[in-house]
Amino acid sequence: MSDLKEEQQGGAGPVRQNISAGEPVRQNISVEVPELLGLVDFQYCNFVRLASNNTDVRIAFGDIGPTGKLTPRDGFALSPIVAKSLHKALGGQLSKIESEHGPIPESPVEIQILVVKNKAETGESDS
């Protein structure tokens, strides 16, 4: 049995990681990825809430309507590697938009970030 596992990163290409050594090894691996933008449903969202721990980053999307009522839309749990790839990709897209159309104003709704620590990190026990 191999100590290698493959993980698909958003836009960064697959990585083979030697699990026993814990070190990523970059390899060129051919992966067919369909054009996803034409295959998914899109929903308008103007509110996002984040939570993270040492194993994942969770992103919840919602829509705050004119009455101030929040309607939950969808949520995703990402590995830290994919979350970092998403961060890089979003930064690139926003820089491109700003270079073509000028500065993007700050949102009137602040993004709420919640960091959740597991019991091992906080030293808590189940007793």
Protein backbone atom coordinates (compact mmCIF):
# COMPACT_ATOMS: atom_id res chain seq x y z
CA MET A 1 0.00 0.00 0.00
CA SER A 2 1.36 3.42 -0.93
CA ASP A 3 1.86 6.31 1.48
CA LEU A 4 0.90 8.70 -1.32
CA LYS A 5 -2.48 10.39 -1.60
CA GLU A 6 -3.70 12.71 -4.34
CA GLU A 7 -5.57 15.90 -3.64
CA GLN A 8 -7.14 18.22 -6.20
CA GLN A 9 -6.49 21.89 -5.53
CA GLY A 10 -8.67 24.60 -7.04
CA GLY A 11 -6.71 25.82 -10.03
CA ALA A 12 -3.34 24.73 -8.62
CA GLY A 13 -3.29 21.22 -10.05
CA PRO A 14 -3.15 17.96 -8.16
CA VAL A 15 -0.53 17.40 -5.51
CA ARG A 16 0.84 14.07 -4.41
CA GLN A 17 1.65 14.12 -0.73
CA ASN A 18 3.84 11.62 1.05
CA ILE A 19 1.63 11.06 4.09
CA SER A 20 4.35 9.53 6.25
CA ALA A 21 6.75 12.40 5.55
CA GLY A 22 4.01 15.06 5.45
CA GLU A 23 5.68 16.84 2.55
CA PRO A 24 3.96 17.69 -0.75
CA VAL A 25 5.66 16.46 -3.90
CA ARG A 26 4.65 18.36 -7.06
CA GLN A 27 4.02 16.14 -10.05
CA ASN A 28 2.37 16.78 -13.37
CA ILE A 29 -0.83 14.73 -13.27
CA SER A 30 -3.31 15.04 -16.12
CA VAL A 31 -6.84 15.58 -14.78
CA GLU A 32 -9.93 16.23 -16.92
CA VAL A 33 -11.97 19.05 -15.39
CA PRO A 34 -15.26 19.94 -17.08
CA GLU A 35 -16.22 23.59 -17.54
CA LEU A 36 -17.94 23.93 -14.15
CA LEU A 37 -19.36 27.42 -14.64
CA GLY A 38 -21.87 26.07 -17.14
CA LEU A 39 -22.86 23.12 -14.97
CA VAL A 40 -23.85 24.72 -11.65
CA ASP A 41 -26.74 26.87 -10.43
CA PHE A 42 -25.84 30.35 -9.16
CA GLN A 43 -27.53 32.21 -6.32
CA TYR A 44 -27.17 35.88 -5.41
CA CYS A 45 -25.53 36.41 -2.02
CA ASN A 46 -24.61 39.61 -0.20
CA PHE A 47 -23.67 38.09 3.16
CA VAL A 48 -21.02 35.58 4.13
CA ARG A 49 -19.94 34.04 7.43
CA LEU A 50 -16.73 32.09 7.93
CA ALA A 51 -15.66 29.57 10.55
CA SER A 52 -12.45 27.57 10.67
CA ASN A 53 -10.50 25.09 12.70
CA ASN A 54 -7.34 23.11 12.04
CA THR A 55 -9.05 20.77 9.54
CA ASP A 56 -11.38 22.93 7.46
CA VAL A 57 -12.69 26.37 6.55
CA ARG A 58 -16.48 26.67 6.41
CA ILE A 59 -18.15 29.37 4.36
CA ALA A 60 -21.89 30.09 4.69
CA PHE A 61 -23.58 32.36 2.15
CA GLY A 62 -26.83 34.25 2.56
CA ASP A 63 -28.89 37.12 1.19
CA ILE A 64 -30.02 40.05 3.32
CA GLY A 65 -33.17 41.45 1.74
CA PRO A 66 -34.56 45.01 1.91
CA THR A 67 -36.41 44.21 5.15
CA GLY A 68 -33.15 43.11 6.80
CA LYS A 69 -34.14 39.44 6.89
CA LEU A 70 -31.28 37.01 6.23
CA THR A 71 -32.09 34.13 3.89
CA PRO A 72 -29.50 31.32 4.06
CA ARG A 73 -28.35 30.23 0.59
CA ASP A 74 -25.58 27.63 0.69
CA GLY A 75 -22.43 26.63 2.49
CA PHE A 76 -19.17 24.87 1.78
CA ALA A 77 -16.48 23.19 3.85
CA LEU A 78 -13.02 23.42 2.29
CA SER A 79 -9.68 21.93 3.23
CA PRO A 80 -7.14 24.61 4.21
CA ILE A 81 -5.23 23.91 0.97
CA VAL A 82 -8.30 24.55 -1.20
CA ALA A 83 -9.25 27.60 0.92
CA LYS A 84 -5.78 29.06 0.31
CA SER A 85 -6.13 28.41 -3.44
CA LEU A 86 -9.55 30.12 -3.36
CA HIS A 87 -8.05 33.10 -1.49
CA LYS A 88 -5.36 33.46 -4.15
CA ALA A 89 -7.83 33.09 -7.03
CA LEU A 90 -10.30 35.61 -5.54
CA GLY A 91 -7.49 38.10 -4.93
CA GLY A 92 -6.42 37.80 -8.55
CA GLN A 93 -9.95 38.25 -9.87
CA LEU A 94 -10.61 41.28 -7.64
CA SER A 95 -7.31 42.90 -8.66
CA LYS A 96 -8.27 42.43 -12.31
CA ILE A 97 -11.72 43.98 -11.75
CA GLU A 98 -10.21 46.97 -9.90
CA SER A 99 -7.55 47.53 -12.56
CA GLU A 100 -10.25 47.61 -15.26
CA HIS A 101 -13.05 49.41 -13.38
CA GLY A 102 -11.51 51.23 -10.39
CA PRO A 103 -11.62 50.51 -6.64
CA ILE A 104 -14.34 48.27 -5.26
CA PRO A 105 -16.08 49.98 -2.30
CA GLU A 106 -16.14 48.27 1.09
CA SER A 107 -19.27 46.27 1.87
CA PRO A 108 -21.80 47.85 4.24
CA VAL A 109 -22.16 44.35 5.76
CA GLU A 110 -19.07 43.20 7.61
CA ILE A 111 -17.94 39.63 7.02
CA GLN A 112 -18.15 37.72 10.28
CA ILE A 113 -15.31 35.33 11.01
CA LEU A 114 -15.49 32.71 13.71
CA VAL A 115 -12.44 30.64 14.59
CA VAL A 116 -13.36 27.36 16.24
CA LYS A 117 -10.64 25.51 18.12
CA ASN A 118 -10.89 21.80 18.76
CA LYS A 119 -10.49 20.37 22.25
CA ALA A 120 -6.89 19.29 21.62
CA GLU A 121 -5.94 22.92 20.84
CA THR A 122 -7.72 24.39 23.87
CA GLY A 123 -6.66 21.69 26.34
CA GLU A 124 -10.29 20.90 27.24
CA SER A 125 -11.36 17.38 28.08
CA ASP A 126 -14.66 15.55 27.70
CA SER A 127 -15.05 15.07 31.45
